[in-house]
Amino acid sequence: MRMPPSTSPHHSYLLGASLVWLLGGGSLLLSTLVPFHTTLLGWAPAFWLLGAPLIVLLALEPSLPRQLVAQRRARRRTRHDPIWH
């Protein structure tokens, strides 16, 4: 049973907010302004800045990983084509 993709404004708002959350959290962790692991909080910063937005993205768009893998395979096939024809 496949559900049609939702096109409501709330869906696109949540999708955009989770992408911004993921990019902002990733940049904070990569810039080491927020550490991945602390003695007081453990792995909580990494979860709330990377794990939680990924869970929200997968809940909103469950087919997203399959689409990304298909795009990557298509790009790989075109790269291995010979330059000359």
C-alpha atoms as a PDB file:
ATOM      1  CA  MET A   1       0.000   0.000   0.000  1.00  0.00           C
ATOM      2  CA  ARG A   2       1.729   3.118  -1.206  1.00  0.00           C
ATOM      3  CA  MET A   3       0.651   6.530   0.013  1.00  0.00           C
ATOM      4  CA  PRO A   4       0.782   9.470  -2.410  1.00  0.00           C
ATOM      5  CA  PRO A   5       3.367  12.124  -1.590  1.00  0.00           C
ATOM      6  CA  SER A   6       2.029  14.940   0.515  1.00  0.00           C
ATOM      7  CA  THR A   7       2.106  18.400  -1.006  1.00  0.00           C
ATOM      8  CA  SER A   8       0.686  20.319   1.931  1.00  0.00           C
ATOM      9  CA  PRO A   9       2.432  23.531   3.002  1.00  0.00           C
ATOM     10  CA  HIS A  10       3.081  22.000   6.432  1.00  0.00           C
ATOM     11  CA  HIS A  11       4.941  19.088   4.842  1.00  0.00           C
ATOM     12  CA  SER A  12       7.226  21.335   2.808  1.00  0.00           C
ATOM     13  CA  TYR A  13       7.737  23.625   5.830  1.00  0.00           C
ATOM     14  CA  LEU A  14       8.760  20.683   8.027  1.00  0.00           C
ATOM     15  CA  LEU A  15      11.010  19.319   5.308  1.00  0.00           C
ATOM     16  CA  GLY A  16      12.758  22.673   4.868  1.00  0.00           C
ATOM     17  CA  ALA A  17      13.078  23.208   8.614  1.00  0.00           C
ATOM     18  CA  SER A  18      14.613  19.782   9.134  1.00  0.00           C
ATOM     19  CA  LEU A  19      17.090  20.369   6.292  1.00  0.00           C
ATOM     20  CA  VAL A  20      18.133  23.715   7.805  1.00  0.00           C
ATOM     21  CA  TRP A  21      18.376  22.039  11.227  1.00  0.00           C
ATOM     22  CA  LEU A  22      20.581  19.277   9.774  1.00  0.00           C
ATOM     23  CA  LEU A  23      22.854  21.705   7.918  1.00  0.00           C
ATOM     24  CA  GLY A  24      23.151  24.029  10.910  1.00  0.00           C
ATOM     25  CA  GLY A  25      23.837  21.181  13.320  1.00  0.00           C
ATOM     26  CA  GLY A  26      26.357  19.617  10.983  1.00  0.00           C
ATOM     27  CA  SER A  27      28.205  22.899  10.590  1.00  0.00           C
ATOM     28  CA  LEU A  28      28.237  23.420  14.376  1.00  0.00           C
ATOM     29  CA  LEU A  29      29.664  19.953  14.927  1.00  0.00           C
ATOM     30  CA  LEU A  30      32.201  20.253  12.113  1.00  0.00           C
ATOM     31  CA  SER A  31      33.388  23.649  13.310  1.00  0.00           C
ATOM     32  CA  THR A  32      33.839  22.123  16.810  1.00  0.00           C
ATOM     33  CA  LEU A  33      31.803  24.907  18.411  1.00  0.00           C
ATOM     34  CA  VAL A  34      29.690  22.080  19.822  1.00  0.00           C
ATOM     35  CA  PRO A  35      31.551  18.827  20.569  1.00  0.00           C
ATOM     36  CA  PHE A  36      30.187  15.444  19.462  1.00  0.00           C
ATOM     37  CA  HIS A  37      30.567  13.976  22.949  1.00  0.00           C
ATOM     38  CA  THR A  38      30.820  15.639  26.370  1.00  0.00           C
ATOM     39  CA  THR A  39      31.231  14.171  29.847  1.00  0.00           C
ATOM     40  CA  LEU A  40      28.092  15.897  31.090  1.00  0.00           C
ATOM     41  CA  LEU A  41      25.765  15.277  28.109  1.00  0.00           C
ATOM     42  CA  GLY A  42      27.332  12.229  26.473  1.00  0.00           C
ATOM     43  CA  TRP A  43      26.309  11.825  22.848  1.00  0.00           C
ATOM     44  CA  ALA A  44      23.266  14.090  23.189  1.00  0.00           C
ATOM     45  CA  PRO A  45      24.707  17.000  21.120  1.00  0.00           C
ATOM     46  CA  ALA A  46      25.438  14.693  18.189  1.00  0.00           C
ATOM     47  CA  PHE A  47      21.986  13.135  18.409  1.00  0.00           C
ATOM     48  CA  TRP A  48      20.079  16.421  18.608  1.00  0.00           C
ATOM     49  CA  LEU A  49      22.129  18.112  15.896  1.00  0.00           C
ATOM     50  CA  LEU A  50      22.409  15.196  13.429  1.00  0.00           C
ATOM     51  CA  GLY A  51      20.310  12.220  14.483  1.00  0.00           C
ATOM     52  CA  ALA A  52      17.029  13.958  15.220  1.00  0.00           C
ATOM     53  CA  PRO A  53      16.822  15.912  11.935  1.00  0.00           C
ATOM     54  CA  LEU A  54      17.729  12.755  10.003  1.00  0.00           C
ATOM     55  CA  ILE A  55      14.889  10.898  11.733  1.00  0.00           C
ATOM     56  CA  VAL A  56      12.494  13.723  10.858  1.00  0.00           C
ATOM     57  CA  LEU A  57      13.653  13.686   7.222  1.00  0.00           C
ATOM     58  CA  LEU A  58      13.191   9.926   6.976  1.00  0.00           C
ATOM     59  CA  ALA A  59       9.757  10.166   8.566  1.00  0.00           C
ATOM     60  CA  LEU A  60       8.705  12.874   6.082  1.00  0.00           C
ATOM     61  CA  GLU A  61      10.312  11.316   2.991  1.00  0.00           C
ATOM     62  CA  PRO A  62      10.802   7.554   3.505  1.00  0.00           C
ATOM     63  CA  SER A  63      11.870   7.030  -0.120  1.00  0.00           C
ATOM     64  CA  LEU A  64      14.654   9.615   0.060  1.00  0.00           C
ATOM     65  CA  PRO A  65      17.525   7.116   0.647  1.00  0.00           C
ATOM     66  CA  ARG A  66      16.432   5.030  -2.372  1.00  0.00           C
ATOM     67  CA  GLN A  67      16.272   8.129  -4.545  1.00  0.00           C
ATOM     68  CA  LEU A  68      19.760   9.230  -3.483  1.00  0.00           C
ATOM     69  CA  VAL A  69      21.224   5.770  -4.160  1.00  0.00           C
ATOM     70  CA  ALA A  70      19.571   5.680  -7.598  1.00  0.00           C
ATOM     71  CA  GLN A  71      20.989   9.112  -8.451  1.00  0.00           C
ATOM     72  CA  ARG A  72      24.445   8.055  -7.315  1.00  0.00           C
ATOM     73  CA  ARG A  73      24.317   4.884  -9.427  1.00  0.00           C
ATOM     74  CA  ALA A  74      23.201   6.890 -12.456  1.00  0.00           C
ATOM     75  CA  ARG A  75      26.101   9.316 -11.995  1.00  0.00           C
ATOM     76  CA  ARG A  76      28.580   6.450 -11.660  1.00  0.00           C
ATOM     77  CA  ARG A  77      27.403   4.893 -14.901  1.00  0.00           C
ATOM     78  CA  THR A  78      27.844   8.136 -16.807  1.00  0.00           C
ATOM     79  CA  ARG A  79      31.336   8.746 -15.394  1.00  0.00           C
ATOM     80  CA  HIS A  80      32.683   5.443 -16.692  1.00  0.00           C
ATOM     81  CA  ASP A  81      31.622   6.113 -20.252  1.00  0.00           C
ATOM     82  CA  PRO A  82      34.586   6.682 -22.544  1.00  0.00           C
ATOM     83  CA  ILE A  83      35.415  10.268 -23.334  1.00  0.00           C
ATOM     84  CA  TRP A  84      35.786   9.568 -27.039  1.00  0.00           C
ATOM     85  CA  HIS A  85      33.001   8.173 -29.220  1.00  0.00           C
END
